[in-house]
Amino acid sequence: MPLRVIFMGTPEFSVPTLRAVADAGHEIGAVYTQPPRAAGRRGLELTPSPVQREAERLGLEVRTPVSLKNETEQQAFRALRADVAVVVAYGLLLPKPILEAPRLGCLNGHASLLPRWRGAAPIQRAIMAGDTETGMMVMRMEEGLDTGPVAMAEKCAIGPNMTAGELHDRLMHIGAALMAEALARLERDALTFTAQATEGVTYAKKIDKAETRVDWTRPAGEVHDHIRGLSPFPGAWCEIEIGGRLERLKLLRSTLSQGAGEPGGILDDRLTVACGSGAIRLVEVQRAGGRPIAAQEFLRGAKLEKGTKFS
C-alpha cells in the first residue's frame, strides 16, 4: 500500500523527486523546505523556494522552519506519523530525533557515487576534479555527513566538456526515478542496504567565492575543469582591460586547445588563452551586467587584440 511520506527539499534539483513521489500515489503528509529568501534588486521581495512553489501547485502542506533543533518543531514532525522521509538537497541538518521519527527512517537522494564526494557540492567538485563518472544514490540517513548505507545507485558519465549545470539537470531526473523505485521496493519490504566502503572517502565542501577566480598558471586541463565545474553558478571569472577599463568577465564554457604562451595571454582571434601548460579556447562568456554570449560575439564587441592578457 502507498507510504505516508514527508518530503524535504529546497532547490530546483529537488522538484522532479517531489513530483515523482506524488505521481507514484504516495500520501505526502507535509513538505519541508527552506524559508522564502530575500530577492529582487533591492532584496525587498521574499521568494519561495522552487520546492515550495511546486508543493503549493500540488496542494500540499508546506512547512518552512529555520531550524529543526527545538522540541516544538520535532514534536510537529513526529505528529505527522510518517512511514518515511524523503530528503533531497534540503539544506538543514537533521538532528537525531528527526532522523528517528519516521517509522522506516529517512532516505536521501545524493548526487555522487558515495563515499566519493560526501557533502554540499558533489556535482561541482566532481567536475572540478576531472572525474569522468558520477551518479545518484539513495541512502539511509545517519547523523554523520552522508555516511549512511546505500540502497540504490545509478551511474552517469561526465563528458569532457559537460558543465555543472548540464550534469545537475541530468542527475536530478535520474535521482527522481531512482527514489521512486526505492519507495516502490520499500512498499514491498524489498529495499536492502549496503554499508559504504571505508576507502575512497572525499568531501565536497561548499564552493567559496574566493576559489572562483581563474588561475591561468595552472595546466589547461585544470583550468578547463575549473570553468565548467563552476558553470553556470557561481561562475569562474577573470579580469581583462576593455576600452581602457578593467572589466570582470565570467567564463561559462571552454574547450581544450593547442598553443603556448604567457599564462592568460590571448593567442588568436578565436579566444584561445594560454595556461601554465597548454591552452584552452573560451566558447561562452558573460560580461558584467550582460547575458551569456558566444566568444566570437564577445570579441566583436570588445575588439581585443592578439597578445591582450587576462589578469
C-alpha atoms as a PDB file:
ATOM      1  CA  MET A   1       0.000   0.000   0.000  1.00  0.00           C
ATOM      2  CA  PRO A   2       1.166   3.617  -0.546  1.00  0.00           C
ATOM      3  CA  LEU A   3       3.510   5.090   2.002  1.00  0.00           C
ATOM      4  CA  ARG A   4       2.937   8.155   4.136  1.00  0.00           C
ATOM      5  CA  VAL A   5       5.847  10.421   3.223  1.00  0.00           C
ATOM      6  CA  ILE A   6       7.403  13.647   4.463  1.00  0.00           C
ATOM      7  CA  PHE A   7       9.285  15.356   1.647  1.00  0.00           C
ATOM      8  CA  MET A   8      12.234  17.614   2.461  1.00  0.00           C
ATOM      9  CA  GLY A   9      13.981  19.650  -0.246  1.00  0.00           C
ATOM     10  CA  THR A  10      14.598  23.183  -1.422  1.00  0.00           C
ATOM     11  CA  PRO A  11      16.167  23.920  -4.845  1.00  0.00           C
ATOM     12  CA  GLU A  12      15.122  23.066  -8.397  1.00  0.00           C
ATOM     13  CA  PHE A  13      17.174  19.876  -8.112  1.00  0.00           C
ATOM     14  CA  SER A  14      14.620  18.512  -5.613  1.00  0.00           C
ATOM     15  CA  VAL A  15      11.491  19.264  -7.640  1.00  0.00           C
ATOM     16  CA  PRO A  16      11.479  16.224 -10.001  1.00  0.00           C
ATOM     17  CA  THR A  17      11.738  13.901  -6.998  1.00  0.00           C
ATOM     18  CA  LEU A  18       8.799  15.606  -5.290  1.00  0.00           C
ATOM     19  CA  ARG A  19       6.758  15.149  -8.475  1.00  0.00           C
ATOM     20  CA  ALA A  20       7.815  11.509  -8.757  1.00  0.00           C
ATOM     21  CA  VAL A  21       6.756  10.774  -5.170  1.00  0.00           C
ATOM     22  CA  ALA A  22       3.395  12.441  -5.751  1.00  0.00           C
ATOM     23  CA  ASP A  23       2.872  10.730  -9.131  1.00  0.00           C
ATOM     24  CA  ALA A  24       3.541   7.338  -7.546  1.00  0.00           C
ATOM     25  CA  GLY A  25       0.464   7.829  -5.368  1.00  0.00           C
ATOM     26  CA  HIS A  26       2.148   8.123  -2.001  1.00  0.00           C
ATOM     27  CA  GLU A  27       0.487  10.226   0.685  1.00  0.00           C
ATOM     28  CA  ILE A  28       2.645  13.300   1.302  1.00  0.00           C
ATOM     29  CA  GLY A  29       1.871  14.485   4.823  1.00  0.00           C
ATOM     30  CA  ALA A  30       3.903  17.684   4.536  1.00  0.00           C
ATOM     31  CA  VAL A  31       6.685  19.270   2.534  1.00  0.00           C
ATOM     32  CA  TYR A  32       9.600  20.831   4.415  1.00  0.00           C
ATOM     33  CA  THR A  33      11.673  23.445   2.626  1.00  0.00           C
ATOM     34  CA  GLN A  34      13.895  26.436   3.359  1.00  0.00           C
ATOM     35  CA  PRO A  35      12.058  29.680   4.243  1.00  0.00           C
ATOM     36  CA  PRO A  36      11.473  32.246   1.468  1.00  0.00           C
ATOM     37  CA  ARG A  37      14.585  34.312   0.771  1.00  0.00           C
ATOM     38  CA  ALA A  38      15.011  37.979   0.003  1.00  0.00           C
ATOM     39  CA  ALA A  39      15.291  38.585  -3.741  1.00  0.00           C
ATOM     40  CA  GLY A  40      14.884  41.373  -6.257  1.00  0.00           C
ATOM     41  CA  ARG A  41      17.323  44.171  -6.968  1.00  0.00           C
ATOM     42  CA  ARG A  42      16.858  45.685  -3.521  1.00  0.00           C
ATOM     43  CA  GLY A  43      16.321  42.423  -1.689  1.00  0.00           C
ATOM     44  CA  LEU A  44      12.864  43.517  -0.540  1.00  0.00           C
ATOM     45  CA  GLU A  45      10.845  40.670  -2.068  1.00  0.00           C
ATOM     46  CA  LEU A  46      10.600  37.296  -0.348  1.00  0.00           C
ATOM     47  CA  THR A  47      10.823  34.491  -2.892  1.00  0.00           C
ATOM     48  CA  PRO A  48       9.649  30.961  -2.022  1.00  0.00           C
ATOM     49  CA  SER A  49      11.891  28.042  -2.912  1.00  0.00           C
ATOM     50  CA  PRO A  50      11.244  26.010  -6.081  1.00  0.00           C
ATOM     51  CA  VAL A  51      10.061  23.128  -3.890  1.00  0.00           C
ATOM     52  CA  GLN A  52       7.589  25.375  -2.071  1.00  0.00           C
ATOM     53  CA  ARG A  53       6.157  26.599  -5.360  1.00  0.00           C
ATOM     54  CA  GLU A  54       5.743  23.040  -6.647  1.00  0.00           C
ATOM     55  CA  ALA A  55       4.253  21.813  -3.357  1.00  0.00           C
ATOM     56  CA  GLU A  56       1.690  24.607  -3.383  1.00  0.00           C
ATOM     57  CA  ARG A  57       0.829  23.778  -7.002  1.00  0.00           C
ATOM     58  CA  LEU A  58       0.196  20.211  -5.880  1.00  0.00           C
ATOM     59  CA  GLY A  59      -1.939  21.398  -2.963  1.00  0.00           C
ATOM     60  CA  LEU A  60       0.416  20.062  -0.284  1.00  0.00           C
ATOM     61  CA  GLU A  61       1.064  21.467   3.167  1.00  0.00           C
ATOM     62  CA  VAL A  62       4.339  23.411   3.278  1.00  0.00           C
ATOM     63  CA  ARG A  63       6.447  23.977   6.379  1.00  0.00           C
ATOM     64  CA  THR A  64       9.453  26.318   6.421  1.00  0.00           C
ATOM     65  CA  PRO A  65      11.181  26.122   9.833  1.00  0.00           C
ATOM     66  CA  VAL A  66      14.510  27.900  10.220  1.00  0.00           C
ATOM     67  CA  SER A  67      15.741  25.017  12.387  1.00  0.00           C
ATOM     68  CA  LEU A  68      14.697  21.523  13.410  1.00  0.00           C
ATOM     69  CA  LYS A  69      16.669  21.517  16.649  1.00  0.00           C
ATOM     70  CA  ASN A  70      13.933  22.687  19.007  1.00  0.00           C
ATOM     71  CA  GLU A  71      11.461  20.357  20.666  1.00  0.00           C
ATOM     72  CA  THR A  72       8.391  22.137  19.263  1.00  0.00           C
ATOM     73  CA  GLU A  73       9.446  21.502  15.660  1.00  0.00           C
ATOM     74  CA  GLN A  74      10.438  17.935  16.469  1.00  0.00           C
ATOM     75  CA  GLN A  75       7.057  17.219  18.047  1.00  0.00           C
ATOM     76  CA  ALA A  76       5.302  18.685  15.000  1.00  0.00           C
ATOM     77  CA  PHE A  77       7.413  16.450  12.765  1.00  0.00           C
ATOM     78  CA  ARG A  78       6.659  13.330  14.821  1.00  0.00           C
ATOM     79  CA  ALA A  79       2.961  14.165  14.824  1.00  0.00           C
ATOM     80  CA  LEU A  80       2.856  13.590  11.062  1.00  0.00           C
ATOM     81  CA  ARG A  81       3.365   9.875  11.773  1.00  0.00           C
ATOM     82  CA  ALA A  82       5.235   9.312   8.534  1.00  0.00           C
ATOM     83  CA  ASP A  83       6.423   5.975   7.254  1.00  0.00           C
ATOM     84  CA  VAL A  84       9.475   7.574   5.651  1.00  0.00           C
ATOM     85  CA  ALA A  85      11.049  10.958   4.967  1.00  0.00           C
ATOM     86  CA  VAL A  86      12.491  11.640   1.507  1.00  0.00           C
ATOM     87  CA  VAL A  87      15.308  14.199   1.627  1.00  0.00           C
ATOM     88  CA  VAL A  88      16.849  15.802  -1.470  1.00  0.00           C
ATOM     89  CA  ALA A  89      19.051  18.903  -1.088  1.00  0.00           C
ATOM     90  CA  TYR A  90      17.051  20.203   1.866  1.00  0.00           C
ATOM     91  CA  GLY A  91      19.800  22.428   3.279  1.00  0.00           C
ATOM     92  CA  LEU A  92      19.284  21.900   7.014  1.00  0.00           C
ATOM     93  CA  LEU A  93      20.981  19.330   9.221  1.00  0.00           C
ATOM     94  CA  LEU A  94      18.569  16.738  10.570  1.00  0.00           C
ATOM     95  CA  PRO A  95      19.079  16.070  14.298  1.00  0.00           C
ATOM     96  CA  LYS A  96      18.714  12.575  15.689  1.00  0.00           C
ATOM     97  CA  PRO A  97      15.065  12.993  16.854  1.00  0.00           C
ATOM     98  CA  ILE A  98      14.082  13.927  13.276  1.00  0.00           C
ATOM     99  CA  LEU A  99      16.060  11.058  11.733  1.00  0.00           C
ATOM    100  CA  GLU A 100      14.389   8.596  14.073  1.00  0.00           C
ATOM    101  CA  ALA A 101      10.826   9.927  13.767  1.00  0.00           C
ATOM    102  CA  PRO A 102       9.650   8.197  10.541  1.00  0.00           C
ATOM    103  CA  ARG A 103       8.837   4.525  11.010  1.00  0.00           C
ATOM    104  CA  LEU A 104      11.198   3.440   8.212  1.00  0.00           C
ATOM    105  CA  GLY A 105      13.767   6.190   8.586  1.00  0.00           C
ATOM    106  CA  CYS A 106      14.929   8.942   6.205  1.00  0.00           C
ATOM    107  CA  LEU A 107      16.025   8.304   2.623  1.00  0.00           C
ATOM    108  CA  ASN A 108      18.398  10.767   0.982  1.00  0.00           C
ATOM    109  CA  GLY A 109      18.946  11.296  -2.734  1.00  0.00           C
ATOM    110  CA  HIS A 110      22.639  12.212  -3.073  1.00  0.00           C
ATOM    111  CA  ALA A 111      24.388  13.309  -6.270  1.00  0.00           C
ATOM    112  CA  SER A 112      27.610  11.294  -6.171  1.00  0.00           C
ATOM    113  CA  LEU A 113      28.911   7.756  -6.005  1.00  0.00           C
ATOM    114  CA  LEU A 114      29.484   7.555  -2.297  1.00  0.00           C
ATOM    115  CA  PRO A 115      31.797   7.538  -0.427  1.00  0.00           C
ATOM    116  CA  ARG A 116      33.312   9.893  -3.023  1.00  0.00           C
ATOM    117  CA  TRP A 117      32.090  13.466  -2.641  1.00  0.00           C
ATOM    118  CA  ARG A 118      30.161  13.478   0.592  1.00  0.00           C
ATOM    119  CA  GLY A 119      28.907  16.952   1.399  1.00  0.00           C
ATOM    120  CA  ALA A 120      27.372  20.077  -0.059  1.00  0.00           C
ATOM    121  CA  ALA A 121      28.712  20.450  -3.613  1.00  0.00           C
ATOM    122  CA  PRO A 122      29.241  16.986  -5.133  1.00  0.00           C
ATOM    123  CA  ILE A 123      28.303  17.955  -8.692  1.00  0.00           C
ATOM    124  CA  GLN A 124      30.699  20.890  -8.946  1.00  0.00           C
ATOM    125  CA  ARG A 125      33.519  19.099  -7.124  1.00  0.00           C
ATOM    126  CA  ALA A 126      33.324  16.036  -9.360  1.00  0.00           C
ATOM    127  CA  ILE A 127      33.808  18.135 -12.498  1.00  0.00           C
ATOM    128  CA  MET A 128      36.421  20.404 -10.937  1.00  0.00           C
ATOM    129  CA  ALA A 129      38.419  17.295 -10.008  1.00  0.00           C
ATOM    130  CA  GLY A 130      38.254  15.994 -13.574  1.00  0.00           C
ATOM    131  CA  ASP A 131      36.099  12.950 -12.732  1.00  0.00           C
ATOM    132  CA  THR A 132      34.703  11.128 -15.765  1.00  0.00           C
ATOM    133  CA  GLU A 133      31.861   9.430 -13.895  1.00  0.00           C
ATOM    134  CA  THR A 134      29.446  10.192 -11.093  1.00  0.00           C
ATOM    135  CA  GLY A 135      25.873   9.196 -10.287  1.00  0.00           C
ATOM    136  CA  MET A 136      22.896   9.308  -7.956  1.00  0.00           C
ATOM    137  CA  MET A 137      22.445   7.252  -4.830  1.00  0.00           C
ATOM    138  CA  VAL A 138      19.599   6.579  -2.441  1.00  0.00           C
ATOM    139  CA  MET A 139      20.944   6.113   1.078  1.00  0.00           C
ATOM    140  CA  ARG A 140      19.517   5.828   4.580  1.00  0.00           C
ATOM    141  CA  MET A 141      20.487   8.879   6.577  1.00  0.00           C
ATOM    142  CA  GLU A 142      22.543   8.795   9.755  1.00  0.00           C
ATOM    143  CA  GLU A 143      23.881  11.550  11.995  1.00  0.00           C
ATOM    144  CA  GLY A 144      27.185  11.534  10.078  1.00  0.00           C
ATOM    145  CA  LEU A 145      27.601  13.546   6.878  1.00  0.00           C
ATOM    146  CA  ASP A 146      26.415  11.287   4.033  1.00  0.00           C
ATOM    147  CA  THR A 147      27.757   8.213   5.825  1.00  0.00           C
ATOM    148  CA  GLY A 148      24.655   6.013   5.752  1.00  0.00           C
ATOM    149  CA  PRO A 149      24.229   2.674   3.960  1.00  0.00           C
ATOM    150  CA  VAL A 150      23.258   2.776   0.274  1.00  0.00           C
ATOM    151  CA  ALA A 151      20.163   1.130  -1.173  1.00  0.00           C
ATOM    152  CA  MET A 152      20.301   2.078  -4.865  1.00  0.00           C
ATOM    153  CA  ALA A 153      22.688   3.720  -7.312  1.00  0.00           C
ATOM    154  CA  GLU A 154      22.818   4.727 -10.961  1.00  0.00           C
ATOM    155  CA  LYS A 155      25.978   5.898 -12.680  1.00  0.00           C
ATOM    156  CA  CYS A 156      26.258   8.832 -15.070  1.00  0.00           C
ATOM    157  CA  ALA A 157      29.161   9.634 -17.406  1.00  0.00           C
ATOM    158  CA  ILE A 158      30.683  13.121 -17.257  1.00  0.00           C
ATOM    159  CA  GLY A 159      31.551  14.269 -20.774  1.00  0.00           C
ATOM    160  CA  PRO A 160      34.820  16.158 -21.375  1.00  0.00           C
ATOM    161  CA  ASN A 161      33.017  19.477 -21.924  1.00  0.00           C
ATOM    162  CA  MET A 162      29.974  18.904 -19.680  1.00  0.00           C
ATOM    163  CA  THR A 163      29.204  21.773 -17.309  1.00  0.00           C
ATOM    164  CA  ALA A 164      27.941  21.519 -13.754  1.00  0.00           C
ATOM    165  CA  GLY A 165      24.599  22.880 -14.942  1.00  0.00           C
ATOM    166  CA  GLU A 166      24.218  20.142 -17.533  1.00  0.00           C
ATOM    167  CA  LEU A 167      25.212  17.434 -15.067  1.00  0.00           C
ATOM    168  CA  HIS A 168      22.826  18.912 -12.483  1.00  0.00           C
ATOM    169  CA  ASP A 169      19.893  18.634 -14.890  1.00  0.00           C
ATOM    170  CA  ARG A 170      20.736  15.066 -15.851  1.00  0.00           C
ATOM    171  CA  LEU A 171      21.203  13.876 -12.278  1.00  0.00           C
ATOM    172  CA  MET A 172      18.031  15.453 -10.922  1.00  0.00           C
ATOM    173  CA  HIS A 173      15.929  13.328 -13.295  1.00  0.00           C
ATOM    174  CA  ILE A 174      17.972  10.197 -12.646  1.00  0.00           C
ATOM    175  CA  GLY A 175      17.510  10.836  -8.934  1.00  0.00           C
ATOM    176  CA  ALA A 176      13.743  11.229  -9.230  1.00  0.00           C
ATOM    177  CA  ALA A 177      13.331   7.887 -10.978  1.00  0.00           C
ATOM    178  CA  LEU A 178      15.715   6.206  -8.561  1.00  0.00           C
ATOM    179  CA  MET A 179      13.844   7.463  -5.494  1.00  0.00           C
ATOM    180  CA  ALA A 180      10.507   6.396  -6.960  1.00  0.00           C
ATOM    181  CA  GLU A 181      11.877   2.875  -7.425  1.00  0.00           C
ATOM    182  CA  ALA A 182      13.335   2.885  -3.909  1.00  0.00           C
ATOM    183  CA  LEU A 183       9.930   3.746  -2.433  1.00  0.00           C
ATOM    184  CA  ALA A 184       8.270   1.047  -4.527  1.00  0.00           C
ATOM    185  CA  ARG A 185      10.700  -1.502  -3.109  1.00  0.00           C
ATOM    186  CA  LEU A 186      10.178  -0.116   0.386  1.00  0.00           C
ATOM    187  CA  GLU A 187       6.426  -0.693  -0.026  1.00  0.00           C
ATOM    188  CA  ARG A 188       7.163  -4.356  -0.767  1.00  0.00           C
ATOM    189  CA  ASP A 189       9.653  -4.613   2.106  1.00  0.00           C
ATOM    190  CA  ALA A 190      12.284  -5.338  -0.542  1.00  0.00           C
ATOM    191  CA  LEU A 191      14.656  -2.377  -0.128  1.00  0.00           C
ATOM    192  CA  THR A 192      18.051  -3.562   1.076  1.00  0.00           C
ATOM    193  CA  PHE A 193      21.050  -1.521   2.176  1.00  0.00           C
ATOM    194  CA  THR A 194      24.816  -1.953   1.851  1.00  0.00           C
ATOM    195  CA  ALA A 195      27.359  -0.170   4.016  1.00  0.00           C
ATOM    196  CA  GLN A 196      29.598   2.338   2.229  1.00  0.00           C
ATOM    197  CA  ALA A 197      33.205   1.497   1.545  1.00  0.00           C
ATOM    198  CA  THR A 198      35.660   2.827   4.097  1.00  0.00           C
ATOM    199  CA  GLU A 199      38.232   3.712   1.417  1.00  0.00           C
ATOM    200  CA  GLY A 200      37.978   6.451  -1.202  1.00  0.00           C
ATOM    201  CA  VAL A 201      36.176   8.963   1.012  1.00  0.00           C
ATOM    202  CA  THR A 202      36.299  12.558  -0.263  1.00  0.00           C
ATOM    203  CA  TYR A 203      34.399  15.657   0.815  1.00  0.00           C
ATOM    204  CA  ALA A 204      32.663  18.136  -1.458  1.00  0.00           C
ATOM    205  CA  LYS A 205      32.878  21.306   0.566  1.00  0.00           C
ATOM    206  CA  LYS A 206      30.663  24.241  -0.319  1.00  0.00           C
ATOM    207  CA  ILE A 207      32.021  26.437  -3.109  1.00  0.00           C
ATOM    208  CA  ASP A 208      33.761  29.500  -1.690  1.00  0.00           C
ATOM    209  CA  LYS A 209      33.722  32.713  -3.716  1.00  0.00           C
ATOM    210  CA  ALA A 210      37.449  33.058  -3.106  1.00  0.00           C
ATOM    211  CA  GLU A 211      38.153  29.985  -5.244  1.00  0.00           C
ATOM    212  CA  THR A 212      36.119  31.033  -8.288  1.00  0.00           C
ATOM    213  CA  ARG A 213      38.765  33.271  -9.870  1.00  0.00           C
ATOM    214  CA  VAL A 214      40.671  31.582 -12.701  1.00  0.00           C
ATOM    215  CA  ASP A 215      44.354  30.903 -12.148  1.00  0.00           C
ATOM    216  CA  TRP A 216      45.885  30.902 -15.627  1.00  0.00           C
ATOM    217  CA  THR A 217      49.175  29.483 -14.318  1.00  0.00           C
ATOM    218  CA  ARG A 218      47.520  26.097 -13.778  1.00  0.00           C
ATOM    219  CA  PRO A 219      47.618  23.428 -16.537  1.00  0.00           C
ATOM    220  CA  ALA A 220      44.985  23.779 -19.264  1.00  0.00           C
ATOM    221  CA  GLY A 221      43.063  20.692 -18.144  1.00  0.00           C
ATOM    222  CA  GLU A 222      42.661  22.069 -14.631  1.00  0.00           C
ATOM    223  CA  VAL A 223      41.584  25.493 -15.901  1.00  0.00           C
ATOM    224  CA  HIS A 224      39.025  23.867 -18.222  1.00  0.00           C
ATOM    225  CA  ASP A 225      37.614  21.706 -15.397  1.00  0.00           C
ATOM    226  CA  HIS A 226      37.503  24.754 -13.116  1.00  0.00           C
ATOM    227  CA  ILE A 227      35.462  26.732 -15.659  1.00  0.00           C
ATOM    228  CA  ARG A 228      32.929  24.017 -16.466  1.00  0.00           C
ATOM    229  CA  GLY A 229      32.684  22.885 -12.848  1.00  0.00           C
ATOM    230  CA  LEU A 230      31.512  26.355 -11.796  1.00  0.00           C
ATOM    231  CA  SER A 231      29.196  26.955 -14.763  1.00  0.00           C
ATOM    232  CA  PRO A 232      26.656  28.471 -14.692  1.00  0.00           C
ATOM    233  CA  PHE A 233      26.767  29.256 -10.979  1.00  0.00           C
ATOM    234  CA  PRO A 234      28.608  30.814  -9.276  1.00  0.00           C
ATOM    235  CA  GLY A 235      30.783  31.070 -12.378  1.00  0.00           C
ATOM    236  CA  ALA A 236      34.545  31.129 -12.838  1.00  0.00           C
ATOM    237  CA  TRP A 237      35.843  34.596 -13.684  1.00  0.00           C
ATOM    238  CA  CYS A 238      38.830  36.726 -14.557  1.00  0.00           C
ATOM    239  CA  GLU A 239      39.508  40.353 -15.409  1.00  0.00           C
ATOM    240  CA  ILE A 240      40.516  41.980 -18.693  1.00  0.00           C
ATOM    241  CA  GLU A 241      41.023  45.538 -19.852  1.00  0.00           C
ATOM    242  CA  ILE A 242      38.387  46.654 -22.365  1.00  0.00           C
ATOM    243  CA  GLY A 243      38.405  50.212 -23.681  1.00  0.00           C
ATOM    244  CA  GLY A 244      40.861  51.304 -21.031  1.00  0.00           C
ATOM    245  CA  ARG A 245      38.770  49.917 -18.180  1.00  0.00           C
ATOM    246  CA  LEU A 246      39.354  46.725 -16.196  1.00  0.00           C
ATOM    247  CA  GLU A 247      36.261  44.550 -16.534  1.00  0.00           C
ATOM    248  CA  ARG A 248      35.221  41.336 -14.812  1.00  0.00           C
ATOM    249  CA  LEU A 249      34.330  38.539 -17.204  1.00  0.00           C
ATOM    250  CA  LYS A 250      32.510  35.333 -16.262  1.00  0.00           C
ATOM    251  CA  LEU A 251      33.690  32.262 -18.179  1.00  0.00           C
ATOM    252  CA  LEU A 252      30.911  29.759 -18.863  1.00  0.00           C
ATOM    253  CA  ARG A 253      32.206  27.314 -21.478  1.00  0.00           C
ATOM    254  CA  SER A 254      35.595  26.294 -22.791  1.00  0.00           C
ATOM    255  CA  THR A 255      37.378  23.507 -24.625  1.00  0.00           C
ATOM    256  CA  LEU A 256      40.945  22.269 -24.544  1.00  0.00           C
ATOM    257  CA  SER A 257      43.042  23.702 -27.365  1.00  0.00           C
ATOM    258  CA  GLN A 258      46.570  23.879 -28.757  1.00  0.00           C
ATOM    259  CA  GLY A 259      49.007  26.657 -28.061  1.00  0.00           C
ATOM    260  CA  ALA A 260      51.538  28.061 -25.662  1.00  0.00           C
ATOM    261  CA  GLY A 261      52.429  31.466 -24.312  1.00  0.00           C
ATOM    262  CA  GLU A 262      52.386  33.622 -21.227  1.00  0.00           C
ATOM    263  CA  PRO A 263      49.602  32.390 -18.912  1.00  0.00           C
ATOM    264  CA  GLY A 264      46.413  34.404 -19.501  1.00  0.00           C
ATOM    265  CA  GLY A 265      47.570  35.674 -22.884  1.00  0.00           C
ATOM    266  CA  ILE A 266      45.149  35.587 -25.829  1.00  0.00           C
ATOM    267  CA  LEU A 267      46.791  33.590 -28.622  1.00  0.00           C
ATOM    268  CA  ASP A 268      44.476  34.116 -31.606  1.00  0.00           C
ATOM    269  CA  ASP A 269      41.186  35.538 -32.897  1.00  0.00           C
ATOM    270  CA  ARG A 270      39.228  32.521 -31.574  1.00  0.00           C
ATOM    271  CA  LEU A 271      39.827  33.487 -27.934  1.00  0.00           C
ATOM    272  CA  THR A 272      42.377  30.765 -27.282  1.00  0.00           C
ATOM    273  CA  VAL A 273      44.106  31.534 -23.989  1.00  0.00           C
ATOM    274  CA  ALA A 274      47.470  30.235 -22.804  1.00  0.00           C
ATOM    275  CA  CYS A 275      47.663  28.435 -19.472  1.00  0.00           C
ATOM    276  CA  GLY A 276      50.569  27.303 -17.321  1.00  0.00           C
ATOM    277  CA  SER A 277      50.891  24.418 -19.755  1.00  0.00           C
ATOM    278  CA  GLY A 278      48.745  24.077 -22.863  1.00  0.00           C
ATOM    279  CA  ALA A 279      45.799  26.309 -23.708  1.00  0.00           C
ATOM    280  CA  ILE A 280      42.020  26.486 -23.670  1.00  0.00           C
ATOM    281  CA  ARG A 281      39.595  28.132 -26.064  1.00  0.00           C
ATOM    282  CA  LEU A 282      36.762  30.096 -24.495  1.00  0.00           C
ATOM    283  CA  VAL A 283      33.370  29.248 -26.018  1.00  0.00           C
ATOM    284  CA  GLU A 284      30.861  31.238 -23.958  1.00  0.00           C
ATOM    285  CA  VAL A 285      31.373  34.207 -21.643  1.00  0.00           C
ATOM    286  CA  GLN A 286      29.328  36.817 -19.805  1.00  0.00           C
ATOM    287  CA  ARG A 287      30.254  40.430 -19.270  1.00  0.00           C
ATOM    288  CA  ALA A 288      29.235  42.174 -16.039  1.00  0.00           C
ATOM    289  CA  GLY A 289      25.536  43.011 -16.217  1.00  0.00           C
ATOM    290  CA  GLY A 290      25.147  41.249 -19.558  1.00  0.00           C
ATOM    291  CA  ARG A 291      23.802  37.977 -20.864  1.00  0.00           C
ATOM    292  CA  PRO A 292      25.783  34.853 -21.748  1.00  0.00           C
ATOM    293  CA  ILE A 293      27.193  35.231 -25.276  1.00  0.00           C
ATOM    294  CA  ALA A 294      29.363  33.235 -27.645  1.00  0.00           C
ATOM    295  CA  ALA A 295      33.056  34.071 -27.514  1.00  0.00           C
ATOM    296  CA  GLN A 296      33.025  35.334 -31.087  1.00  0.00           C
ATOM    297  CA  GLU A 297      30.238  37.791 -30.292  1.00  0.00           C
ATOM    298  CA  PHE A 298      32.208  38.983 -27.279  1.00  0.00           C
ATOM    299  CA  LEU A 299      35.304  39.516 -29.428  1.00  0.00           C
ATOM    300  CA  ARG A 300      33.364  41.608 -31.941  1.00  0.00           C
ATOM    301  CA  GLY A 301      32.154  43.908 -29.185  1.00  0.00           C
ATOM    302  CA  ALA A 302      35.324  44.048 -27.101  1.00  0.00           C
ATOM    303  CA  LYS A 303      37.734  44.382 -30.044  1.00  0.00           C
ATOM    304  CA  LEU A 304      40.568  42.610 -28.247  1.00  0.00           C
ATOM    305  CA  GLU A 305      43.893  42.130 -29.965  1.00  0.00           C
ATOM    306  CA  LYS A 306      46.171  39.135 -30.002  1.00  0.00           C
ATOM    307  CA  GLY A 307      48.531  39.451 -27.058  1.00  0.00           C
ATOM    308  CA  THR A 308      45.969  41.018 -24.750  1.00  0.00           C
ATOM    309  CA  LYS A 309      46.220  39.306 -21.388  1.00  0.00           C
ATOM    310  CA  PHE A 310      43.607  38.199 -18.880  1.00  0.00           C
ATOM    311  CA  SER A 311      44.576  39.040 -15.325  1.00  0.00           C
END
